[in-house]
Amino acid sequence: MIPWRLQFSGIRDYGVEEMNLENEHDHVIITGPNGTGKSTISFCMGAVLRSSKVDIDGLKSQNLPVDQTWHAQIRFLFKNVGYSRIDAPLYIEFRLYCEQLPKQPIKLRYEIHDGDEIDQLELRQTYRSGDVNKNNYSAYKRELQFKYKIHPDLYYLICGISKRSINLLRWCQRSGSGYLVKCMESKKFRKTGKQVWKL
C-alpha cells in the first residue's frame, strides 16, 4: 500500500489542508525550513495511525479560546498497489475525528473506509474508547498492523536530511537503482501564511 493523500483540518493554526502524494513511489521525503509544517504533517500521519509517539493534545491550536469546542479531523488515504498490496479494495482511508468540549477530555473516533473508486469509499469499521463491541483503540491498532500491514510508528519518522542527501536519492532514482522517492518541499509564504506543498 502506498500513501496517496493526506487531508487535515482543525490542526494547530492551519485551515483545511490537503497533500496529494499521487505518484507510486516507495518513499516520501518532506523537506523545508523551520516552521513550514514538516512536524505537523508527520504528527497528523502518526495520529491517524494511532502512533504511540504522538500526543493528540499537541495537535490543538494554542490560540483556541478556552470556552470554544475543538473539532479536528485527519484523513490518510492509501492506494492498495505495489509490493505491500493486501487483499482489499484499491483505496483504503484511515480517519481520525477529534472533539473536545470546554474543560472536557478529548473524544476520539477512528474509522476505516475503503472502495475501488477514490470518491466512493464506504465505511468499514468505527473504533471508539470503551466500545462495548470491543471496537476500541487497541482493536484499531491491531487491525492496522495485522490486516493492513501498517506499523503506526514507522510513519512517524522525523529525521534531518540535507539537500545533498536528497540530490543523492534523486540520482539513485534516475540511475535505475530501484529506490523510488518523491521529494516534497514545504514552504510558507510570509504575507499570507498559507501553506504550499511543492512536489
C-alpha atoms as a PDB file:
ATOM      1  CA  MET A   1       0.000   0.000   0.000  1.00  0.00           C
ATOM      2  CA  ILE A   2       1.255   3.435  -0.936  1.00  0.00           C
ATOM      3  CA  PRO A   3       0.417   6.723   0.850  1.00  0.00           C
ATOM      4  CA  TRP A   4      -1.790   8.595  -1.632  1.00  0.00           C
ATOM      5  CA  ARG A   5      -3.319  11.632   0.073  1.00  0.00           C
ATOM      6  CA  LEU A   6      -3.314  13.360   3.467  1.00  0.00           C
ATOM      7  CA  GLN A   7      -6.049  15.793   4.493  1.00  0.00           C
ATOM      8  CA  PHE A   8      -6.471  17.569   7.803  1.00  0.00           C
ATOM      9  CA  SER A   9      -8.472  20.393   9.354  1.00  0.00           C
ATOM     10  CA  GLY A  10      -8.633  21.928  12.823  1.00  0.00           C
ATOM     11  CA  ILE A  11      -4.981  21.064  13.446  1.00  0.00           C
ATOM     12  CA  ARG A  12      -2.916  23.707  15.232  1.00  0.00           C
ATOM     13  CA  ASP A  13      -3.464  27.012  13.409  1.00  0.00           C
ATOM     14  CA  TYR A  14      -3.835  25.536   9.918  1.00  0.00           C
ATOM     15  CA  GLY A  15      -7.016  25.693   7.894  1.00  0.00           C
ATOM     16  CA  VAL A  16      -8.148  22.836   5.689  1.00  0.00           C
ATOM     17  CA  GLU A  17      -5.039  21.285   4.148  1.00  0.00           C
ATOM     18  CA  GLU A  18      -4.654  18.590   1.516  1.00  0.00           C
ATOM     19  CA  MET A  19      -1.477  16.947   0.276  1.00  0.00           C
ATOM     20  CA  ASN A  20      -1.647  14.790  -2.815  1.00  0.00           C
ATOM     21  CA  LEU A  21       1.079  12.171  -2.979  1.00  0.00           C
ATOM     22  CA  GLU A  22      -0.319  10.677  -6.174  1.00  0.00           C
ATOM     23  CA  ASN A  23       2.834   9.089  -7.541  1.00  0.00           C
ATOM     24  CA  GLU A  24       3.646   5.465  -6.957  1.00  0.00           C
ATOM     25  CA  HIS A  25       6.933   5.838  -5.105  1.00  0.00           C
ATOM     26  CA  ASP A  26       8.253   3.786  -2.231  1.00  0.00           C
ATOM     27  CA  HIS A  27       9.229   6.754  -0.053  1.00  0.00           C
ATOM     28  CA  VAL A  28       8.221  10.364   0.505  1.00  0.00           C
ATOM     29  CA  ILE A  29      10.710  12.890   1.839  1.00  0.00           C
ATOM     30  CA  ILE A  30       9.357  16.121   3.295  1.00  0.00           C
ATOM     31  CA  THR A  31      11.845  18.988   3.449  1.00  0.00           C
ATOM     32  CA  GLY A  32      11.765  22.687   4.190  1.00  0.00           C
ATOM     33  CA  PRO A  33      12.915  25.352   6.632  1.00  0.00           C
ATOM     34  CA  ASN A  34      11.793  25.579  10.249  1.00  0.00           C
ATOM     35  CA  GLY A  35       8.148  26.487  10.796  1.00  0.00           C
ATOM     36  CA  THR A  36       6.782  25.262   7.468  1.00  0.00           C
ATOM     37  CA  GLY A  37       4.773  22.318   8.780  1.00  0.00           C
ATOM     38  CA  LYS A  38       7.025  19.259   8.452  1.00  0.00           C
ATOM     39  CA  SER A  39       6.403  18.165  12.039  1.00  0.00           C
ATOM     40  CA  THR A  40       2.682  18.880  11.756  1.00  0.00           C
ATOM     41  CA  ILE A  41       2.463  16.605   8.713  1.00  0.00           C
ATOM     42  CA  SER A  42       4.235  13.747  10.461  1.00  0.00           C
ATOM     43  CA  PHE A  43       2.189  14.270  13.655  1.00  0.00           C
ATOM     44  CA  CYS A  44      -1.007  14.020  11.577  1.00  0.00           C
ATOM     45  CA  MET A  45       0.187  10.806   9.934  1.00  0.00           C
ATOM     46  CA  GLY A  46       1.139   9.381  13.313  1.00  0.00           C
ATOM     47  CA  ALA A  47      -2.106  10.457  14.990  1.00  0.00           C
ATOM     48  CA  VAL A  48      -4.467   8.948  12.405  1.00  0.00           C
ATOM     49  CA  LEU A  49      -2.450   5.718  12.535  1.00  0.00           C
ATOM     50  CA  ARG A  50      -2.551   5.707  16.367  1.00  0.00           C
ATOM     51  CA  SER A  51       1.199   6.079  16.873  1.00  0.00           C
ATOM     52  CA  SER A  52       2.277   5.854  20.495  1.00  0.00           C
ATOM     53  CA  LYS A  53       4.686   8.736  19.818  1.00  0.00           C
ATOM     54  CA  VAL A  54       2.012  11.361  19.091  1.00  0.00           C
ATOM     55  CA  ASP A  55       0.216  13.350  21.784  1.00  0.00           C
ATOM     56  CA  ILE A  56      -3.216  14.226  20.356  1.00  0.00           C
ATOM     57  CA  ASP A  57      -3.445  17.250  22.660  1.00  0.00           C
ATOM     58  CA  GLY A  58      -0.405  18.674  20.846  1.00  0.00           C
ATOM     59  CA  LEU A  59      -2.436  18.940  17.617  1.00  0.00           C
ATOM     60  CA  LYS A  60      -4.786  21.510  19.125  1.00  0.00           C
ATOM     61  CA  SER A  61      -4.210  25.207  18.470  1.00  0.00           C
ATOM     62  CA  GLN A  62      -2.748  27.148  21.388  1.00  0.00           C
ATOM     63  CA  ASN A  63      -4.876  30.100  20.209  1.00  0.00           C
ATOM     64  CA  LEU A  64      -8.218  28.321  20.708  1.00  0.00           C
ATOM     65  CA  PRO A  65     -10.334  30.179  23.306  1.00  0.00           C
ATOM     66  CA  VAL A  66     -10.883  28.070  26.451  1.00  0.00           C
ATOM     67  CA  ASP A  67     -14.681  28.270  26.061  1.00  0.00           C
ATOM     68  CA  GLN A  68     -14.663  27.008  22.459  1.00  0.00           C
ATOM     69  CA  THR A  69     -15.110  23.394  21.320  1.00  0.00           C
ATOM     70  CA  TRP A  70     -12.199  21.950  19.360  1.00  0.00           C
ATOM     71  CA  HIS A  71     -13.026  19.901  16.270  1.00  0.00           C
ATOM     72  CA  ALA A  72     -10.377  18.316  14.071  1.00  0.00           C
ATOM     73  CA  GLN A  73     -10.153  15.584  11.502  1.00  0.00           C
ATOM     74  CA  ILE A  74      -7.342  13.794   9.706  1.00  0.00           C
ATOM     75  CA  ARG A  75      -7.720  11.524   6.671  1.00  0.00           C
ATOM     76  CA  PHE A  76      -4.868   9.406   5.353  1.00  0.00           C
ATOM     77  CA  LEU A  77      -5.625   7.645   2.062  1.00  0.00           C
ATOM     78  CA  PHE A  78      -3.587   4.723   0.742  1.00  0.00           C
ATOM     79  CA  LYS A  79      -3.641   3.150  -2.701  1.00  0.00           C
ATOM     80  CA  ASN A  80      -3.526  -0.622  -2.407  1.00  0.00           C
ATOM     81  CA  VAL A  81      -0.835  -1.367  -5.006  1.00  0.00           C
ATOM     82  CA  GLY A  82       2.817  -2.351  -5.050  1.00  0.00           C
ATOM     83  CA  TYR A  83       4.779  -4.988  -3.206  1.00  0.00           C
ATOM     84  CA  SER A  84       2.821  -4.357   0.024  1.00  0.00           C
ATOM     85  CA  ARG A  85      -0.593  -4.880  -1.614  1.00  0.00           C
ATOM     86  CA  ILE A  86      -3.123  -6.708   0.567  1.00  0.00           C
ATOM     87  CA  ASP A  87      -6.405  -8.498  -0.134  1.00  0.00           C
ATOM     88  CA  ALA A  88      -8.628  -5.402  -0.007  1.00  0.00           C
ATOM     89  CA  PRO A  89     -10.148  -2.767  -2.328  1.00  0.00           C
ATOM     90  CA  LEU A  90      -7.957  -0.379  -4.320  1.00  0.00           C
ATOM     91  CA  TYR A  91      -8.279   2.566  -1.895  1.00  0.00           C
ATOM     92  CA  ILE A  92      -8.172   2.423   1.901  1.00  0.00           C
ATOM     93  CA  GLU A  93      -8.573   5.520   4.039  1.00  0.00           C
ATOM     94  CA  PHE A  94      -7.923   5.859   7.756  1.00  0.00           C
ATOM     95  CA  ARG A  95      -9.732   8.696   9.508  1.00  0.00           C
ATOM     96  CA  LEU A  96      -9.484  10.328  12.907  1.00  0.00           C
ATOM     97  CA  TYR A  97     -12.136  12.678  14.294  1.00  0.00           C
ATOM     98  CA  CYS A  98     -11.308  14.686  17.431  1.00  0.00           C
ATOM     99  CA  GLU A  99     -13.690  16.686  19.592  1.00  0.00           C
ATOM    100  CA  GLN A 100     -13.066  18.440  22.866  1.00  0.00           C
ATOM    101  CA  LEU A 101     -15.787  20.363  24.645  1.00  0.00           C
ATOM    102  CA  PRO A 102     -14.590  23.115  27.015  1.00  0.00           C
ATOM    103  CA  LYS A 103     -12.997  21.646  30.155  1.00  0.00           C
ATOM    104  CA  GLN A 104     -13.673  18.075  28.975  1.00  0.00           C
ATOM    105  CA  PRO A 105     -11.328  15.294  27.810  1.00  0.00           C
ATOM    106  CA  ILE A 106     -10.726  14.811  24.092  1.00  0.00           C
ATOM    107  CA  LYS A 107     -13.067  12.332  22.389  1.00  0.00           C
ATOM    108  CA  LEU A 108     -11.572  10.364  19.506  1.00  0.00           C
ATOM    109  CA  ARG A 109     -13.192   8.294  16.794  1.00  0.00           C
ATOM    110  CA  TYR A 110     -11.174   6.269  14.293  1.00  0.00           C
ATOM    111  CA  GLU A 111     -12.716   4.983  11.068  1.00  0.00           C
ATOM    112  CA  ILE A 112     -11.598   2.776   8.201  1.00  0.00           C
ATOM    113  CA  HIS A 113     -13.140   3.374   4.762  1.00  0.00           C
ATOM    114  CA  ASP A 114     -12.393   1.545   1.524  1.00  0.00           C
ATOM    115  CA  GLY A 115     -13.511   1.139  -2.064  1.00  0.00           C
ATOM    116  CA  ASP A 116     -12.354   0.751  -5.637  1.00  0.00           C
ATOM    117  CA  GLU A 117     -13.333   4.340  -6.556  1.00  0.00           C
ATOM    118  CA  ILE A 118     -11.473   7.126  -4.774  1.00  0.00           C
ATOM    119  CA  ASP A 119     -14.602   9.275  -4.380  1.00  0.00           C
ATOM    120  CA  GLN A 120     -16.935   6.424  -3.321  1.00  0.00           C
ATOM    121  CA  LEU A 121     -15.351   4.971  -0.202  1.00  0.00           C
ATOM    122  CA  GLU A 122     -17.565   3.059   2.215  1.00  0.00           C
ATOM    123  CA  LEU A 123     -17.281   2.949   5.989  1.00  0.00           C
ATOM    124  CA  ARG A 124     -15.961  -0.468   7.088  1.00  0.00           C
ATOM    125  CA  GLN A 125     -15.394  -0.026  10.811  1.00  0.00           C
ATOM    126  CA  THR A 126     -15.534   2.572  13.608  1.00  0.00           C
ATOM    127  CA  TYR A 127     -13.392   2.478  16.744  1.00  0.00           C
ATOM    128  CA  ARG A 128     -14.061   4.369  19.996  1.00  0.00           C
ATOM    129  CA  SER A 129     -12.742   4.221  23.532  1.00  0.00           C
ATOM    130  CA  GLY A 130     -14.678   1.760  25.665  1.00  0.00           C
ATOM    131  CA  ASP A 131     -16.720   0.405  22.750  1.00  0.00           C
ATOM    132  CA  VAL A 132     -18.972  -2.406  24.015  1.00  0.00           C
ATOM    133  CA  ASN A 133     -18.330  -4.415  20.828  1.00  0.00           C
ATOM    134  CA  LYS A 134     -14.579  -4.268  21.554  1.00  0.00           C
ATOM    135  CA  ASN A 135     -14.028  -1.930  18.606  1.00  0.00           C
ATOM    136  CA  ASN A 136     -11.730   0.208  20.716  1.00  0.00           C
ATOM    137  CA  TYR A 137      -8.355   1.861  20.133  1.00  0.00           C
ATOM    138  CA  SER A 138      -6.399  -1.345  20.765  1.00  0.00           C
ATOM    139  CA  ALA A 139      -8.508  -3.183  18.178  1.00  0.00           C
ATOM    140  CA  TYR A 140      -7.860  -0.364  15.681  1.00  0.00           C
ATOM    141  CA  LYS A 141      -4.109  -0.576  16.180  1.00  0.00           C
ATOM    142  CA  ARG A 142      -4.158  -4.381  15.813  1.00  0.00           C
ATOM    143  CA  GLU A 143      -6.208  -4.047  12.615  1.00  0.00           C
ATOM    144  CA  LEU A 144      -3.638  -1.633  11.182  1.00  0.00           C
ATOM    145  CA  GLN A 145      -0.734  -3.905  11.993  1.00  0.00           C
ATOM    146  CA  PHE A 146      -2.134  -7.301  11.086  1.00  0.00           C
ATOM    147  CA  LYS A 147      -4.728  -6.729   8.369  1.00  0.00           C
ATOM    148  CA  TYR A 148      -3.324  -3.621   6.679  1.00  0.00           C
ATOM    149  CA  LYS A 149       0.372  -4.296   7.410  1.00  0.00           C
ATOM    150  CA  ILE A 150       0.929  -0.747   8.667  1.00  0.00           C
ATOM    151  CA  HIS A 151       3.066  -0.142  11.716  1.00  0.00           C
ATOM    152  CA  PRO A 152       1.965   3.258  13.095  1.00  0.00           C
ATOM    153  CA  ASP A 153       5.361   4.298  14.420  1.00  0.00           C
ATOM    154  CA  LEU A 154       7.079   3.753  11.062  1.00  0.00           C
ATOM    155  CA  TYR A 155       5.029   6.590   9.574  1.00  0.00           C
ATOM    156  CA  TYR A 156       6.052   8.861  12.399  1.00  0.00           C
ATOM    157  CA  LEU A 157       9.694   9.216  11.496  1.00  0.00           C
ATOM    158  CA  ILE A 158      11.297  12.631  11.619  1.00  0.00           C
ATOM    159  CA  CYS A 159      14.886  12.988  10.608  1.00  0.00           C
ATOM    160  CA  GLY A 160      17.041  15.745   9.203  1.00  0.00           C
ATOM    161  CA  ILE A 161      18.117  15.320   5.626  1.00  0.00           C
ATOM    162  CA  SER A 162      20.319  17.685   3.684  1.00  0.00           C
ATOM    163  CA  LYS A 163      19.848  18.931   0.132  1.00  0.00           C
ATOM    164  CA  ARG A 164      22.930  16.913  -0.780  1.00  0.00           C
ATOM    165  CA  SER A 165      21.276  13.707   0.508  1.00  0.00           C
ATOM    166  CA  ILE A 166      18.099  14.495  -1.416  1.00  0.00           C
ATOM    167  CA  ASN A 167      20.112  15.034  -4.592  1.00  0.00           C
ATOM    168  CA  LEU A 168      21.842  11.693  -3.988  1.00  0.00           C
ATOM    169  CA  LEU A 169      18.464   9.955  -3.631  1.00  0.00           C
ATOM    170  CA  ARG A 170      17.242  11.582  -6.848  1.00  0.00           C
ATOM    171  CA  TRP A 171      20.412  10.473  -8.631  1.00  0.00           C
ATOM    172  CA  CYS A 172      19.828   6.895  -7.394  1.00  0.00           C
ATOM    173  CA  GLN A 173      16.311   7.064  -8.770  1.00  0.00           C
ATOM    174  CA  ARG A 174      17.466   8.326 -12.172  1.00  0.00           C
ATOM    175  CA  SER A 175      20.219   5.719 -12.338  1.00  0.00           C
ATOM    176  CA  GLY A 176      17.676   2.933 -12.008  1.00  0.00           C
ATOM    177  CA  SER A 177      18.744   1.677  -8.603  1.00  0.00           C
ATOM    178  CA  GLY A 178      15.145   0.861  -7.784  1.00  0.00           C
ATOM    179  CA  TYR A 179      14.939   3.293  -4.874  1.00  0.00           C
ATOM    180  CA  LEU A 180      11.911   5.399  -5.668  1.00  0.00           C
ATOM    181  CA  VAL A 181      11.455   8.673  -3.852  1.00  0.00           C
ATOM    182  CA  LYS A 182       9.057  11.566  -4.052  1.00  0.00           C
ATOM    183  CA  CYS A 183      10.533  14.728  -2.658  1.00  0.00           C
ATOM    184  CA  MET A 184       8.179  17.269  -1.199  1.00  0.00           C
ATOM    185  CA  GLU A 185       9.258  20.694  -0.042  1.00  0.00           C
ATOM    186  CA  SER A 186       7.156  22.635   2.413  1.00  0.00           C
ATOM    187  CA  LYS A 187       7.206  26.420   2.019  1.00  0.00           C
ATOM    188  CA  LYS A 188       5.321  29.088   3.909  1.00  0.00           C
ATOM    189  CA  PHE A 189       4.631  32.456   2.333  1.00  0.00           C
ATOM    190  CA  ARG A 190       5.198  35.179   4.921  1.00  0.00           C
ATOM    191  CA  LYS A 191       2.493  37.503   3.550  1.00  0.00           C
ATOM    192  CA  THR A 192      -0.425  35.095   3.688  1.00  0.00           C
ATOM    193  CA  GLY A 193       0.811  32.353   5.983  1.00  0.00           C
ATOM    194  CA  LYS A 194      -0.719  29.853   3.521  1.00  0.00           C
ATOM    195  CA  GLN A 195       0.984  26.506   3.199  1.00  0.00           C
ATOM    196  CA  VAL A 196       2.186  25.474  -0.232  1.00  0.00           C
ATOM    197  CA  TRP A 197       3.321  21.918  -0.848  1.00  0.00           C
ATOM    198  CA  LYS A 198       5.752  21.851  -3.764  1.00  0.00           C
ATOM    199  CA  LEU A 199       6.042  18.392  -5.255  1.00  0.00           C
END
